[in-house]
Amino acid sequence: MAEYQLYCFAQSGNAYRAALMLNLIGADWQPVFVDFFKGETRTPKYRAEINEMGEAPVLAHGAKKLSQSGVILTYLAERSGRFKPDGEDGRLEALRWIIFDNQKVNGFLGPYRFLKNFAKPAGDPAVMAFLKGRIDGNLAILDKRLTKSPFVLGNRPTIADISFCAYLYYPAEEFGFDIAAEHNNIAAWLDRMKALPGWKHPYELMPGHPPPK
């Protein structure tokens, strides 16, 4: 058995953060498919045995089961020494951007994409317009940040960068707009992240693509 098991599915940007981190650090890991679209995360068994919050991803490492992608990224950075922010100021700055990402960037992109592609019925146009407005404004903040340095915290990638990757590599047609085409600094940063040894697309890294009809 691999050292780490990651409960995940291919359509989850939250899971992609953790899967990408595992691959980038060269961890001995294996994915455990979570059948989200058939409601597995909402079952009593999943909530009792895997994650009481009813969410993926979950990282299993020995007796530990860790949920929430920011916690998983932090744990793996501490254990591996890779993509770890420098010092207290760096740790706090990484946490600041990870929270911003979870709440404001991928935190809006994820629901938007779900409502557009997977929800039945699809998202209400007024809701979609609201989310798109927030997405545009928050991506602009990230794009501006990336004028200052090649990566979010400076000259090397950290877990803050890996967090922002969550939904940004999924196909543009799944959003109905092209993030890289509209934000030049994000586009260049995505290329830099993609060039890291171990990078893989979410649909290559995790099981469950395409989802069942």
C-alpha atoms as a PDB file:
ATOM      1  CA  MET A   1       0.000   0.000   0.000  1.00  0.00           C
ATOM      2  CA  ALA A   2       1.177   3.514  -0.779  1.00  0.00           C
ATOM      3  CA  GLU A   3       2.236   5.765   2.093  1.00  0.00           C
ATOM      4  CA  TYR A   4      -0.575   8.240   1.391  1.00  0.00           C
ATOM      5  CA  GLN A   5      -4.117   7.705   0.137  1.00  0.00           C
ATOM      6  CA  LEU A   6      -6.091  10.641  -1.190  1.00  0.00           C
ATOM      7  CA  TYR A   7      -9.887  10.415  -1.320  1.00  0.00           C
ATOM      8  CA  CYS A   8     -10.681  12.431  -4.411  1.00  0.00           C
ATOM      9  CA  PHE A   9     -12.429  12.705  -7.765  1.00  0.00           C
ATOM     10  CA  ALA A  10     -11.343  14.280 -11.031  1.00  0.00           C
ATOM     11  CA  GLN A  11     -13.834  17.160 -11.125  1.00  0.00           C
ATOM     12  CA  SER A  12     -12.846  18.572  -7.722  1.00  0.00           C
ATOM     13  CA  GLY A  13     -10.478  21.507  -7.735  1.00  0.00           C
ATOM     14  CA  ASN A  14     -10.227  21.224  -3.967  1.00  0.00           C
ATOM     15  CA  ALA A  15      -8.972  17.661  -4.376  1.00  0.00           C
ATOM     16  CA  TYR A  16      -6.664  18.747  -7.190  1.00  0.00           C
ATOM     17  CA  ARG A  17      -4.747  21.001  -4.803  1.00  0.00           C
ATOM     18  CA  ALA A  18      -3.871  18.014  -2.634  1.00  0.00           C
ATOM     19  CA  ALA A  19      -3.225  15.611  -5.522  1.00  0.00           C
ATOM     20  CA  LEU A  20      -0.959  18.120  -7.247  1.00  0.00           C
ATOM     21  CA  MET A  21       1.009  18.714  -4.051  1.00  0.00           C
ATOM     22  CA  LEU A  22       1.508  14.987  -3.558  1.00  0.00           C
ATOM     23  CA  ASN A  23       2.765  14.632  -7.116  1.00  0.00           C
ATOM     24  CA  LEU A  24       5.029  17.684  -6.978  1.00  0.00           C
ATOM     25  CA  ILE A  25       6.775  16.471  -3.831  1.00  0.00           C
ATOM     26  CA  GLY A  26       7.199  12.990  -5.306  1.00  0.00           C
ATOM     27  CA  ALA A  27       5.160  11.337  -2.554  1.00  0.00           C
ATOM     28  CA  ASP A  28       4.255   7.650  -2.594  1.00  0.00           C
ATOM     29  CA  TRP A  29       0.507   8.045  -2.945  1.00  0.00           C
ATOM     30  CA  GLN A  30      -2.574   6.574  -4.530  1.00  0.00           C
ATOM     31  CA  PRO A  31      -6.001   8.055  -5.266  1.00  0.00           C
ATOM     32  CA  VAL A  32      -9.130   6.558  -3.728  1.00  0.00           C
ATOM     33  CA  PHE A  33     -12.107   7.359  -5.935  1.00  0.00           C
ATOM     34  CA  VAL A  34     -14.988   9.158  -4.228  1.00  0.00           C
ATOM     35  CA  ASP A  35     -18.233   8.859  -6.205  1.00  0.00           C
ATOM     36  CA  PHE A  36     -19.385  12.388  -5.467  1.00  0.00           C
ATOM     37  CA  PHE A  37     -22.018  12.489  -8.204  1.00  0.00           C
ATOM     38  CA  LYS A  38     -23.766   9.441  -6.758  1.00  0.00           C
ATOM     39  CA  GLY A  39     -23.785  11.025  -3.316  1.00  0.00           C
ATOM     40  CA  GLU A  40     -21.023   9.065  -1.615  1.00  0.00           C
ATOM     41  CA  THR A  41     -19.822  11.997   0.494  1.00  0.00           C
ATOM     42  CA  ARG A  42     -23.330  12.430   1.924  1.00  0.00           C
ATOM     43  CA  THR A  43     -23.696   8.840   3.122  1.00  0.00           C
ATOM     44  CA  PRO A  44     -23.599   8.007   6.849  1.00  0.00           C
ATOM     45  CA  LYS A  45     -20.726   5.585   6.193  1.00  0.00           C
ATOM     46  CA  TYR A  46     -18.544   8.246   4.548  1.00  0.00           C
ATOM     47  CA  ARG A  47     -19.296  10.762   7.293  1.00  0.00           C
ATOM     48  CA  ALA A  48     -18.601   8.224  10.022  1.00  0.00           C
ATOM     49  CA  GLU A  49     -15.475   6.646   8.560  1.00  0.00           C
ATOM     50  CA  ILE A  50     -13.858   9.239   6.266  1.00  0.00           C
ATOM     51  CA  ASN A  51     -14.946  12.828   6.938  1.00  0.00           C
ATOM     52  CA  GLU A  52     -17.714  14.040   9.205  1.00  0.00           C
ATOM     53  CA  MET A  53     -17.988  17.198   7.083  1.00  0.00           C
ATOM     54  CA  GLY A  54     -19.083  15.136   4.087  1.00  0.00           C
ATOM     55  CA  GLU A  55     -16.406  16.526   1.771  1.00  0.00           C
ATOM     56  CA  ALA A  56     -13.427  15.542  -0.354  1.00  0.00           C
ATOM     57  CA  PRO A  57     -10.463  15.640  -0.399  1.00  0.00           C
ATOM     58  CA  VAL A  58      -9.322  13.600   2.577  1.00  0.00           C
ATOM     59  CA  LEU A  59      -5.679  12.621   2.999  1.00  0.00           C
ATOM     60  CA  ALA A  60      -5.062   9.348   4.822  1.00  0.00           C
ATOM     61  CA  HIS A  61      -1.581   8.912   6.260  1.00  0.00           C
ATOM     62  CA  GLY A  62      -1.283   6.016   8.646  1.00  0.00           C
ATOM     63  CA  ALA A  63      -3.873   6.563  11.356  1.00  0.00           C
ATOM     64  CA  LYS A  64      -4.399  10.209  10.353  1.00  0.00           C
ATOM     65  CA  LYS A  65      -7.248  11.399   8.160  1.00  0.00           C
ATOM     66  CA  LEU A  66      -6.898  15.072   7.241  1.00  0.00           C
ATOM     67  CA  SER A  67      -9.549  17.125   5.474  1.00  0.00           C
ATOM     68  CA  GLN A  68      -9.641  20.677   4.080  1.00  0.00           C
ATOM     69  CA  SER A  69      -7.113  21.263   1.326  1.00  0.00           C
ATOM     70  CA  GLY A  70      -5.279  24.072   3.162  1.00  0.00           C
ATOM     71  CA  VAL A  71      -4.620  21.738   6.096  1.00  0.00           C
ATOM     72  CA  ILE A  72      -3.433  18.995   3.734  1.00  0.00           C
ATOM     73  CA  LEU A  73      -1.077  21.367   1.900  1.00  0.00           C
ATOM     74  CA  THR A  74       0.359  22.612   5.187  1.00  0.00           C
ATOM     75  CA  TYR A  75       0.849  19.085   6.518  1.00  0.00           C
ATOM     76  CA  LEU A  76       2.638  17.915   3.381  1.00  0.00           C
ATOM     77  CA  ALA A  77       4.828  21.029   3.250  1.00  0.00           C
ATOM     78  CA  GLU A  78       5.861  20.540   6.882  1.00  0.00           C
ATOM     79  CA  ARG A  79       6.650  16.839   6.362  1.00  0.00           C
ATOM     80  CA  SER A  80       8.471  17.179   3.057  1.00  0.00           C
ATOM     81  CA  GLY A  81      10.052  20.603   3.446  1.00  0.00           C
ATOM     82  CA  ARG A  82       8.862  21.354  -0.095  1.00  0.00           C
ATOM     83  CA  PHE A  83       6.820  24.423  -1.082  1.00  0.00           C
ATOM     84  CA  LYS A  84       7.032  25.555   2.533  1.00  0.00           C
ATOM     85  CA  PRO A  85       6.862  29.312   3.173  1.00  0.00           C
ATOM     86  CA  ASP A  86       9.870  30.903   4.866  1.00  0.00           C
ATOM     87  CA  GLY A  87       9.556  31.778   8.539  1.00  0.00           C
ATOM     88  CA  GLU A  88       6.594  33.092  10.498  1.00  0.00           C
ATOM     89  CA  ASP A  89       5.924  35.992   8.148  1.00  0.00           C
ATOM     90  CA  GLY A  90       5.939  33.658   5.170  1.00  0.00           C
ATOM     91  CA  ARG A  91       3.612  31.176   6.856  1.00  0.00           C
ATOM     92  CA  LEU A  92       1.154  33.915   7.728  1.00  0.00           C
ATOM     93  CA  GLU A  93       1.327  35.419   4.245  1.00  0.00           C
ATOM     94  CA  ALA A  94       0.729  32.001   2.664  1.00  0.00           C
ATOM     95  CA  LEU A  95      -2.242  31.459   4.963  1.00  0.00           C
ATOM     96  CA  ARG A  96      -3.609  34.888   4.036  1.00  0.00           C
ATOM     97  CA  TRP A  97      -3.558  34.048   0.327  1.00  0.00           C
ATOM     98  CA  ILE A  98      -4.858  30.493   0.840  1.00  0.00           C
ATOM     99  CA  ILE A  99      -7.860  31.869   2.738  1.00  0.00           C
ATOM    100  CA  PHE A 100      -8.422  34.495   0.039  1.00  0.00           C
ATOM    101  CA  ASP A 101      -8.258  31.780  -2.591  1.00  0.00           C
ATOM    102  CA  ASN A 102     -10.682  29.479  -0.773  1.00  0.00           C
ATOM    103  CA  GLN A 103     -13.156  32.261  -0.066  1.00  0.00           C
ATOM    104  CA  LYS A 104     -12.853  34.517  -3.088  1.00  0.00           C
ATOM    105  CA  VAL A 105     -11.113  32.971  -6.118  1.00  0.00           C
ATOM    106  CA  ASN A 106     -11.618  29.232  -6.394  1.00  0.00           C
ATOM    107  CA  GLY A 107     -14.305  29.589  -3.749  1.00  0.00           C
ATOM    108  CA  PHE A 108     -16.434  31.279  -6.441  1.00  0.00           C
ATOM    109  CA  LEU A 109     -15.034  29.448  -9.473  1.00  0.00           C
ATOM    110  CA  GLY A 110     -15.953  26.040  -8.046  1.00  0.00           C
ATOM    111  CA  PRO A 111     -19.682  26.766  -7.503  1.00  0.00           C
ATOM    112  CA  TYR A 112     -19.886  28.615 -10.832  1.00  0.00           C
ATOM    113  CA  ARG A 113     -18.470  25.649 -12.720  1.00  0.00           C
ATOM    114  CA  PHE A 114     -20.660  23.184 -10.818  1.00  0.00           C
ATOM    115  CA  LEU A 115     -23.837  25.157 -11.533  1.00  0.00           C
ATOM    116  CA  LYS A 116     -22.903  25.499 -15.206  1.00  0.00           C
ATOM    117  CA  ASN A 117     -21.879  21.904 -15.896  1.00  0.00           C
ATOM    118  CA  PHE A 118     -23.266  19.521 -13.324  1.00  0.00           C
ATOM    119  CA  ALA A 119     -26.273  20.976 -11.476  1.00  0.00           C
ATOM    120  CA  LYS A 120     -29.759  20.005 -12.610  1.00  0.00           C
ATOM    121  CA  PRO A 121     -31.339  22.406 -13.274  1.00  0.00           C
ATOM    122  CA  ALA A 122     -28.415  24.651 -14.155  1.00  0.00           C
ATOM    123  CA  GLY A 123     -27.727  27.763 -12.122  1.00  0.00           C
ATOM    124  CA  ASP A 124     -30.146  30.674 -12.249  1.00  0.00           C
ATOM    125  CA  PRO A 125     -28.817  33.370 -14.634  1.00  0.00           C
ATOM    126  CA  ALA A 126     -28.926  36.030 -11.899  1.00  0.00           C
ATOM    127  CA  VAL A 127     -26.871  33.812  -9.583  1.00  0.00           C
ATOM    128  CA  MET A 128     -24.398  33.064 -12.363  1.00  0.00           C
ATOM    129  CA  ALA A 129     -24.037  36.761 -13.165  1.00  0.00           C
ATOM    130  CA  PHE A 130     -23.395  37.538  -9.493  1.00  0.00           C
ATOM    131  CA  LEU A 131     -20.738  34.837  -9.218  1.00  0.00           C
ATOM    132  CA  LYS A 132     -19.081  35.918 -12.481  1.00  0.00           C
ATOM    133  CA  GLY A 133     -18.784  39.480 -11.244  1.00  0.00           C
ATOM    134  CA  ARG A 134     -17.067  38.302  -8.079  1.00  0.00           C
ATOM    135  CA  ILE A 135     -14.818  35.951 -10.046  1.00  0.00           C
ATOM    136  CA  ASP A 136     -13.661  38.739 -12.374  1.00  0.00           C
ATOM    137  CA  GLY A 137     -12.868  41.089  -9.511  1.00  0.00           C
ATOM    138  CA  ASN A 138     -10.978  38.511  -7.475  1.00  0.00           C
ATOM    139  CA  LEU A 139      -8.989  37.158 -10.409  1.00  0.00           C
ATOM    140  CA  ALA A 140      -7.926  40.738 -11.094  1.00  0.00           C
ATOM    141  CA  ILE A 141      -6.477  40.891  -7.560  1.00  0.00           C
ATOM    142  CA  LEU A 142      -4.447  37.734  -8.159  1.00  0.00           C
ATOM    143  CA  ASP A 143      -3.334  38.979 -11.575  1.00  0.00           C
ATOM    144  CA  LYS A 144      -2.121  42.247 -10.060  1.00  0.00           C
ATOM    145  CA  ARG A 145      -0.278  40.381  -7.325  1.00  0.00           C
ATOM    146  CA  LEU A 146       1.589  38.415  -9.977  1.00  0.00           C
ATOM    147  CA  THR A 147       3.014  41.620 -11.467  1.00  0.00           C
ATOM    148  CA  LYS A 148       5.239  41.834  -8.380  1.00  0.00           C
ATOM    149  CA  SER A 149       6.925  38.424  -8.515  1.00  0.00           C
ATOM    150  CA  PRO A 150       6.898  35.162 -10.475  1.00  0.00           C
ATOM    151  CA  PHE A 151       4.959  33.389  -7.729  1.00  0.00           C
ATOM    152  CA  VAL A 152       2.442  34.513  -5.136  1.00  0.00           C
ATOM    153  CA  LEU A 153       4.948  34.929  -2.290  1.00  0.00           C
ATOM    154  CA  GLY A 154       8.074  35.727  -4.283  1.00  0.00           C
ATOM    155  CA  ASN A 155      10.615  34.029  -6.492  1.00  0.00           C
ATOM    156  CA  ARG A 156       9.718  30.423  -5.714  1.00  0.00           C
ATOM    157  CA  PRO A 157       6.419  28.521  -5.543  1.00  0.00           C
ATOM    158  CA  THR A 158       4.826  27.706  -2.201  1.00  0.00           C
ATOM    159  CA  ILE A 159       1.619  26.080  -1.009  1.00  0.00           C
ATOM    160  CA  ALA A 160      -0.119  29.393  -1.726  1.00  0.00           C
ATOM    161  CA  ASP A 161       0.540  28.853  -5.441  1.00  0.00           C
ATOM    162  CA  ILE A 162      -0.590  25.229  -5.287  1.00  0.00           C
ATOM    163  CA  SER A 163      -3.811  26.323  -3.620  1.00  0.00           C
ATOM    164  CA  PHE A 164      -4.585  28.796  -6.408  1.00  0.00           C
ATOM    165  CA  CYS A 165      -4.173  26.047  -9.013  1.00  0.00           C
ATOM    166  CA  ALA A 166      -7.410  24.391  -7.842  1.00  0.00           C
ATOM    167  CA  TYR A 167      -9.794  25.152 -10.723  1.00  0.00           C
ATOM    168  CA  LEU A 168      -7.536  27.163 -12.998  1.00  0.00           C
ATOM    169  CA  TYR A 169      -6.405  24.278 -15.220  1.00  0.00           C
ATOM    170  CA  TYR A 170      -9.881  22.968 -16.034  1.00  0.00           C
ATOM    171  CA  PRO A 171     -10.984  23.549 -19.666  1.00  0.00           C
ATOM    172  CA  ALA A 172     -12.191  27.048 -20.539  1.00  0.00           C
ATOM    173  CA  GLU A 173     -15.390  25.619 -22.040  1.00  0.00           C
ATOM    174  CA  GLU A 174     -16.389  24.365 -18.604  1.00  0.00           C
ATOM    175  CA  PHE A 175     -16.549  28.001 -17.470  1.00  0.00           C
ATOM    176  CA  GLY A 176     -17.643  29.689 -20.676  1.00  0.00           C
ATOM    177  CA  PHE A 177     -14.720  32.108 -20.384  1.00  0.00           C
ATOM    178  CA  ASP A 178     -10.941  31.800 -20.717  1.00  0.00           C
ATOM    179  CA  ILE A 179      -9.151  32.849 -17.547  1.00  0.00           C
ATOM    180  CA  ALA A 180      -5.669  32.707 -19.061  1.00  0.00           C
ATOM    181  CA  ALA A 181      -6.700  34.724 -22.120  1.00  0.00           C
ATOM    182  CA  GLU A 182      -8.220  37.456 -19.940  1.00  0.00           C
ATOM    183  CA  HIS A 183      -5.426  37.666 -17.331  1.00  0.00           C
ATOM    184  CA  ASN A 184      -1.921  37.756 -18.788  1.00  0.00           C
ATOM    185  CA  ASN A 185      -0.022  37.497 -15.511  1.00  0.00           C
ATOM    186  CA  ILE A 186      -2.098  34.521 -14.371  1.00  0.00           C
ATOM    187  CA  ALA A 187      -1.460  32.893 -17.753  1.00  0.00           C
ATOM    188  CA  ALA A 188       2.312  33.252 -17.384  1.00  0.00           C
ATOM    189  CA  TRP A 189       2.164  31.975 -13.800  1.00  0.00           C
ATOM    190  CA  LEU A 190       0.099  28.946 -14.882  1.00  0.00           C
ATOM    191  CA  ASP A 191       2.823  28.136 -17.398  1.00  0.00           C
ATOM    192  CA  ARG A 192       5.462  28.388 -14.671  1.00  0.00           C
ATOM    193  CA  MET A 193       3.497  26.055 -12.414  1.00  0.00           C
ATOM    194  CA  LYS A 194       2.914  23.646 -15.292  1.00  0.00           C
ATOM    195  CA  ALA A 195       6.674  23.486 -15.888  1.00  0.00           C
ATOM    196  CA  LEU A 196       7.333  22.122 -12.375  1.00  0.00           C
ATOM    197  CA  PRO A 197       8.448  18.459 -12.341  1.00  0.00           C
ATOM    198  CA  GLY A 198       5.492  16.305 -11.383  1.00  0.00           C
ATOM    199  CA  TRP A 199       2.774  18.650 -12.653  1.00  0.00           C
ATOM    200  CA  LYS A 200      -0.228  16.889 -14.173  1.00  0.00           C
ATOM    201  CA  HIS A 201      -3.656  17.999 -15.338  1.00  0.00           C
ATOM    202  CA  PRO A 202      -6.466  17.212 -12.874  1.00  0.00           C
ATOM    203  CA  TYR A 203      -8.122  14.826 -15.329  1.00  0.00           C
ATOM    204  CA  GLU A 204      -4.861  12.861 -15.567  1.00  0.00           C
ATOM    205  CA  LEU A 205      -4.099  12.910 -11.862  1.00  0.00           C
ATOM    206  CA  MET A 206      -7.406  11.823 -10.330  1.00  0.00           C
ATOM    207  CA  PRO A 207     -10.017   9.184 -11.197  1.00  0.00           C
ATOM    208  CA  GLY A 208     -13.577   9.733 -12.377  1.00  0.00           C
ATOM    209  CA  HIS A 209     -13.338  11.597 -15.693  1.00  0.00           C
ATOM    210  CA  PRO A 210     -15.644  11.814 -17.484  1.00  0.00           C
ATOM    211  CA  PRO A 211     -18.378  11.720 -14.843  1.00  0.00           C
ATOM    212  CA  PRO A 212     -21.348   9.393 -15.299  1.00  0.00           C
ATOM    213  CA  LYS A 213     -24.272  10.853 -17.229  1.00  0.00           C
END
